[in-house]
Protein backbone atom coordinates (compact mmCIF):
# COMPACT_ATOMS: atom_id res chain seq x y z
CA UNK A 1 -28.59 -4.49 -10.18
CA UNK A 2 -26.19 -2.76 -12.53
CA UNK A 3 -22.48 -2.87 -11.87
CA UNK A 4 -20.04 -0.54 -13.58
CA UNK A 5 -16.30 -0.74 -13.42
CA UNK A 6 -13.08 0.49 -14.96
CA UNK A 7 -9.83 -1.44 -15.03
CA UNK A 8 -6.48 0.22 -15.39
CA UNK A 9 -3.13 -1.43 -15.21
CA UNK A 10 -0.47 0.80 -13.76
CA UNK A 11 2.51 0.52 -11.50
CA UNK A 12 1.75 3.94 -10.04
CA UNK A 13 0.13 4.67 -6.71
CA UNK A 14 -3.32 6.22 -6.99
CA UNK A 15 -2.64 9.16 -4.70
CA UNK A 16 -0.33 10.92 -7.15
CA UNK A 17 -1.54 14.06 -8.92
CA UNK A 18 -1.85 12.21 -12.22
CA UNK A 19 -4.93 10.35 -10.92
CA UNK A 20 -6.75 13.25 -9.23
CA UNK A 21 -9.28 13.66 -12.05
CA UNK A 22 -9.93 9.91 -12.03
CA UNK A 23 -10.49 9.89 -8.26
CA UNK A 24 -12.69 12.97 -8.45
CA UNK A 25 -14.83 11.44 -11.21
CA UNK A 26 -15.09 8.17 -9.31
CA UNK A 27 -16.29 10.01 -6.21
CA UNK A 28 -18.75 12.13 -8.20
CA UNK A 29 -20.27 9.02 -9.81
CA UNK A 30 -20.21 7.17 -6.46
CA UNK A 31 -18.11 4.37 -7.98
CA UNK A 32 -15.82 2.49 -5.59
CA UNK A 33 -12.19 1.73 -6.41
CA UNK A 34 -10.90 -1.81 -6.26
CA UNK A 35 -7.19 -2.37 -5.74
CA UNK A 36 -5.95 -5.62 -7.26
CA UNK A 37 -2.23 -6.38 -7.02
CA UNK A 38 -0.28 -7.63 -9.98
CA UNK A 39 3.42 -7.56 -9.24
CA UNK A 40 4.67 -9.02 -6.00
CA UNK A 41 6.84 -7.29 -3.45
CA UNK A 42 10.14 -9.04 -2.69
CA UNK A 43 9.95 -11.54 -5.54
CA UNK A 44 13.59 -10.97 -6.48
CA UNK A 45 14.72 -11.72 -2.92
CA UNK A 46 12.81 -14.97 -2.43
CA UNK A 47 12.33 -16.57 -5.88
CA UNK A 48 11.99 -20.10 -4.51
CA UNK A 49 8.82 -19.31 -2.53
CA UNK A 50 5.26 -18.88 -3.73
CA UNK A 51 5.19 -15.10 -3.75
CA UNK A 52 1.45 -14.99 -4.33
CA UNK A 53 1.00 -15.91 -0.67
CA UNK A 54 3.40 -13.21 0.57
CA UNK A 55 3.95 -10.64 -2.16
CA UNK A 56 0.36 -10.07 -3.29
CA UNK A 57 -0.99 -9.28 0.21
CA UNK A 58 2.03 -7.04 0.80
CA UNK A 59 1.46 -5.21 -2.48
CA UNK A 60 -2.22 -4.74 -1.62
CA UNK A 61 -1.31 -3.39 1.81
CA UNK A 62 1.15 -0.92 0.26
CA UNK A 63 -1.42 0.30 -2.27
CA UNK A 64 -4.26 0.68 0.23
CA UNK A 65 -1.93 2.14 2.87
CA UNK A 66 -0.76 4.79 0.42
CA UNK A 67 -4.39 5.76 -0.18
CA UNK A 68 -5.26 5.84 3.53
CA UNK A 69 -2.26 7.90 4.60
CA UNK A 70 -2.52 10.27 1.64
CA UNK A 71 -5.86 11.63 2.88
CA UNK A 72 -7.69 10.55 -0.29
CA UNK A 73 -10.55 9.04 1.74
CA UNK A 74 -10.95 12.32 3.63
CA UNK A 75 -11.23 14.18 0.34
CA UNK A 76 -13.33 11.52 -1.44
CA UNK A 77 -15.03 9.45 1.31
CA UNK A 78 -17.29 7.48 -1.03
CA UNK A 79 -14.61 5.85 -3.14
C-alpha cells in the first residue's frame, strides 16, 4: 500500500477560488482531503477551559460544513 499526502497550513476555507486548482488536482489524482484543525473557535471567550475539547471539534465542523454547503463534493465527489 502506498499513501500519498500533502499538508498545507492555512487559515482559509478550502472552498474559496484560491484553492480550486488544488481541489481539481486532488480529485483528478483521486487523493482525499483531510481537514485537521489548528486554531480553536472561541478560545478568547473561554480561556480557562480546555479548548481542545470544544474548539477543535467546532473548528472541524466549520471547515467540513463549509465544504459540504459550498457544493465542492458535488463538483469533486472523490475528494
